[in-house]
């Protein structure tokens, strides 16, 4: 049986988003039958888009996602076909989470959403 590969990508300024990403990874691993890769957004490349599922997380940067995560979404645009139809989890930490998630969703509609349709 082939394991499902989950890529968890995060941007963390103070370490809180990194801790949440690690908790998500631990939870996914505990389900069994999956391999989980945890990467900082700045260390993630379009060649990493071959996972079966994704989780993207960011701290609140003035009620918006971190610049490195936004840049990653832009970098993934040329390989959007590799993300099409795959499950995605979005997570955030810090103040302004509701506005931040709205920002990620807006960005996603322009970049990632087309990958998921």
C-alpha atoms as a PDB file:
ATOM      1  CA  UNK A   1       0.000   0.000   0.000  1.00  0.00           C
ATOM      2  CA  UNK A   2       1.330   3.422  -0.980  1.00  0.00           C
ATOM      3  CA  UNK A   3       1.439   6.006   1.790  1.00  0.00           C
ATOM      4  CA  UNK A   4      -0.350   9.296   1.324  1.00  0.00           C
ATOM      5  CA  UNK A   5       2.107  12.189   1.369  1.00  0.00           C
ATOM      6  CA  UNK A   6       1.078  15.342   3.227  1.00  0.00           C
ATOM      7  CA  UNK A   7       3.118  18.528   2.902  1.00  0.00           C
ATOM      8  CA  UNK A   8       2.730  21.006   5.750  1.00  0.00           C
ATOM      9  CA  UNK A   9       4.100  24.454   4.916  1.00  0.00           C
ATOM     10  CA  UNK A  10       4.269  27.309   7.394  1.00  0.00           C
ATOM     11  CA  UNK A  11       5.643  30.784   8.012  1.00  0.00           C
ATOM     12  CA  UNK A  12       6.428  31.493  11.660  1.00  0.00           C
ATOM     13  CA  UNK A  13       7.824  34.633  13.200  1.00  0.00           C
ATOM     14  CA  UNK A  14       7.755  33.825  16.926  1.00  0.00           C
ATOM     15  CA  UNK A  15       7.557  30.032  16.784  1.00  0.00           C
ATOM     16  CA  UNK A  16       3.846  29.673  17.539  1.00  0.00           C
ATOM     17  CA  UNK A  17       2.853  28.798  13.972  1.00  0.00           C
ATOM     18  CA  UNK A  18       5.737  26.338  13.814  1.00  0.00           C
ATOM     19  CA  UNK A  19       4.453  24.641  16.979  1.00  0.00           C
ATOM     20  CA  UNK A  20       0.949  24.430  15.493  1.00  0.00           C
ATOM     21  CA  UNK A  21       2.381  22.987  12.267  1.00  0.00           C
ATOM     22  CA  UNK A  22       4.250  20.369  14.314  1.00  0.00           C
ATOM     23  CA  UNK A  23       1.037  19.474  16.184  1.00  0.00           C
ATOM     24  CA  UNK A  24      -0.829  19.084  12.885  1.00  0.00           C
ATOM     25  CA  UNK A  25       1.990  16.867  11.595  1.00  0.00           C
ATOM     26  CA  UNK A  26       1.888  14.740  14.747  1.00  0.00           C
ATOM     27  CA  UNK A  27      -1.871  14.328  14.435  1.00  0.00           C
ATOM     28  CA  UNK A  28      -1.620  13.341  10.775  1.00  0.00           C
ATOM     29  CA  UNK A  29       1.129  10.795  11.525  1.00  0.00           C
ATOM     30  CA  UNK A  30      -0.934   9.269  14.320  1.00  0.00           C
ATOM     31  CA  UNK A  31      -3.651   8.380  11.790  1.00  0.00           C
ATOM     32  CA  UNK A  32      -1.225   5.987  10.118  1.00  0.00           C
ATOM     33  CA  UNK A  33      -0.703   5.301   6.445  1.00  0.00           C
ATOM     34  CA  UNK A  34       0.696   8.772   5.763  1.00  0.00           C
ATOM     35  CA  UNK A  35       4.084  10.362   5.425  1.00  0.00           C
ATOM     36  CA  UNK A  36       4.307  13.959   6.530  1.00  0.00           C
ATOM     37  CA  UNK A  37       6.846  16.534   5.438  1.00  0.00           C
ATOM     38  CA  UNK A  38       7.083  19.766   7.392  1.00  0.00           C
ATOM     39  CA  UNK A  39       8.733  22.769   5.697  1.00  0.00           C
ATOM     40  CA  UNK A  40       9.077  26.484   6.185  1.00  0.00           C
ATOM     41  CA  UNK A  41       7.479  28.436   3.352  1.00  0.00           C
ATOM     42  CA  UNK A  42      10.793  30.035   2.424  1.00  0.00           C
ATOM     43  CA  UNK A  43      12.340  26.558   1.993  1.00  0.00           C
ATOM     44  CA  UNK A  44       9.511  25.187  -0.158  1.00  0.00           C
ATOM     45  CA  UNK A  45       9.852  25.019  -3.928  1.00  0.00           C
ATOM     46  CA  UNK A  46       7.413  24.276  -6.752  1.00  0.00           C
ATOM     47  CA  UNK A  47       9.071  20.850  -7.026  1.00  0.00           C
ATOM     48  CA  UNK A  48       7.448  20.064  -3.633  1.00  0.00           C
ATOM     49  CA  UNK A  49       3.957  20.299  -5.188  1.00  0.00           C
ATOM     50  CA  UNK A  50       3.771  16.532  -5.745  1.00  0.00           C
ATOM     51  CA  UNK A  51       2.201  15.786  -2.349  1.00  0.00           C
ATOM     52  CA  UNK A  52      -1.250  14.209  -2.044  1.00  0.00           C
ATOM     53  CA  UNK A  53      -2.535  16.821   0.437  1.00  0.00           C
ATOM     54  CA  UNK A  54      -1.351  20.163   1.797  1.00  0.00           C
ATOM     55  CA  UNK A  55      -1.568  22.322   4.908  1.00  0.00           C
ATOM     56  CA  UNK A  56      -0.527  25.976   4.736  1.00  0.00           C
ATOM     57  CA  UNK A  57      -0.098  28.129   7.830  1.00  0.00           C
ATOM     58  CA  UNK A  58       0.974  31.638   8.703  1.00  0.00           C
ATOM     59  CA  UNK A  59       1.213  34.039  11.577  1.00  0.00           C
ATOM     60  CA  UNK A  60      -0.842  37.175  11.282  1.00  0.00           C
ATOM     61  CA  UNK A  61       1.241  39.883   9.625  1.00  0.00           C
ATOM     62  CA  UNK A  62      -0.841  43.036  10.074  1.00  0.00           C
ATOM     63  CA  UNK A  63      -3.941  40.870   9.607  1.00  0.00           C
ATOM     64  CA  UNK A  64      -2.570  39.302   6.427  1.00  0.00           C
ATOM     65  CA  UNK A  65      -0.480  36.216   5.687  1.00  0.00           C
ATOM     66  CA  UNK A  66       3.296  36.342   5.919  1.00  0.00           C
ATOM     67  CA  UNK A  67       5.013  37.543   2.773  1.00  0.00           C
ATOM     68  CA  UNK A  68       6.939  34.306   2.383  1.00  0.00           C
ATOM     69  CA  UNK A  69       3.689  32.315   2.199  1.00  0.00           C
ATOM     70  CA  UNK A  70       2.198  34.738  -0.333  1.00  0.00           C
ATOM     71  CA  UNK A  71       5.376  34.394  -2.411  1.00  0.00           C
ATOM     72  CA  UNK A  72       5.077  30.616  -2.238  1.00  0.00           C
ATOM     73  CA  UNK A  73       1.507  30.743  -3.566  1.00  0.00           C
ATOM     74  CA  UNK A  74       2.775  32.851  -6.460  1.00  0.00           C
ATOM     75  CA  UNK A  75       5.632  30.378  -7.066  1.00  0.00           C
ATOM     76  CA  UNK A  76       3.157  27.472  -7.102  1.00  0.00           C
ATOM     77  CA  UNK A  77       0.992  29.084  -9.785  1.00  0.00           C
ATOM     78  CA  UNK A  78       2.936  27.564 -12.736  1.00  0.00           C
ATOM     79  CA  UNK A  79       2.513  24.060 -11.219  1.00  0.00           C
ATOM     80  CA  UNK A  80      -1.128  24.543 -10.220  1.00  0.00           C
ATOM     81  CA  UNK A  81      -2.170  21.447 -12.180  1.00  0.00           C
ATOM     82  CA  UNK A  82      -0.219  19.335  -9.661  1.00  0.00           C
ATOM     83  CA  UNK A  83      -2.386  20.725  -6.859  1.00  0.00           C
ATOM     84  CA  UNK A  84      -5.713  20.386  -8.657  1.00  0.00           C
ATOM     85  CA  UNK A  85      -8.331  18.487  -6.665  1.00  0.00           C
ATOM     86  CA  UNK A  86      -6.118  17.821  -3.660  1.00  0.00           C
ATOM     87  CA  UNK A  87      -7.178  18.485  -0.055  1.00  0.00           C
ATOM     88  CA  UNK A  88      -5.886  21.684   1.576  1.00  0.00           C
ATOM     89  CA  UNK A  89      -5.945  22.819   5.205  1.00  0.00           C
ATOM     90  CA  UNK A  90      -5.314  26.474   6.090  1.00  0.00           C
ATOM     91  CA  UNK A  91      -4.246  27.481   9.618  1.00  0.00           C
ATOM     92  CA  UNK A  92      -3.200  30.670  11.340  1.00  0.00           C
ATOM     93  CA  UNK A  93      -1.940  32.019  14.654  1.00  0.00           C
ATOM     94  CA  UNK A  94      -1.973  35.416  16.317  1.00  0.00           C
ATOM     95  CA  UNK A  95      -4.292  38.376  16.378  1.00  0.00           C
ATOM     96  CA  UNK A  96      -6.491  39.058  13.395  1.00  0.00           C
ATOM     97  CA  UNK A  97      -6.977  35.425  12.432  1.00  0.00           C
ATOM     98  CA  UNK A  98     -10.381  35.995  10.836  1.00  0.00           C
ATOM     99  CA  UNK A  99      -9.047  38.729   8.578  1.00  0.00           C
ATOM    100  CA  UNK A 100      -5.906  36.694   7.888  1.00  0.00           C
ATOM    101  CA  UNK A 101      -7.892  33.653   6.795  1.00  0.00           C
ATOM    102  CA  UNK A 102      -9.965  35.919   4.545  1.00  0.00           C
ATOM    103  CA  UNK A 103      -6.724  37.195   3.034  1.00  0.00           C
ATOM    104  CA  UNK A 104      -5.457  33.677   2.457  1.00  0.00           C
ATOM    105  CA  UNK A 105      -8.775  32.767   0.864  1.00  0.00           C
ATOM    106  CA  UNK A 106      -8.631  35.848  -1.407  1.00  0.00           C
ATOM    107  CA  UNK A 107      -5.072  34.986  -2.380  1.00  0.00           C
ATOM    108  CA  UNK A 108      -6.124  31.393  -2.852  1.00  0.00           C
ATOM    109  CA  UNK A 109      -8.890  32.306  -5.254  1.00  0.00           C
ATOM    110  CA  UNK A 110      -6.335  34.105  -7.376  1.00  0.00           C
ATOM    111  CA  UNK A 111      -3.573  31.555  -7.113  1.00  0.00           C
ATOM    112  CA  UNK A 112      -4.392  28.298  -5.381  1.00  0.00           C
ATOM    113  CA  UNK A 113      -8.172  28.029  -5.820  1.00  0.00           C
ATOM    114  CA  UNK A 114      -7.807  27.394  -9.525  1.00  0.00           C
ATOM    115  CA  UNK A 115      -5.508  24.546  -8.573  1.00  0.00           C
ATOM    116  CA  UNK A 116      -8.215  22.953  -6.453  1.00  0.00           C
ATOM    117  CA  UNK A 117     -11.147  23.137  -8.863  1.00  0.00           C
END
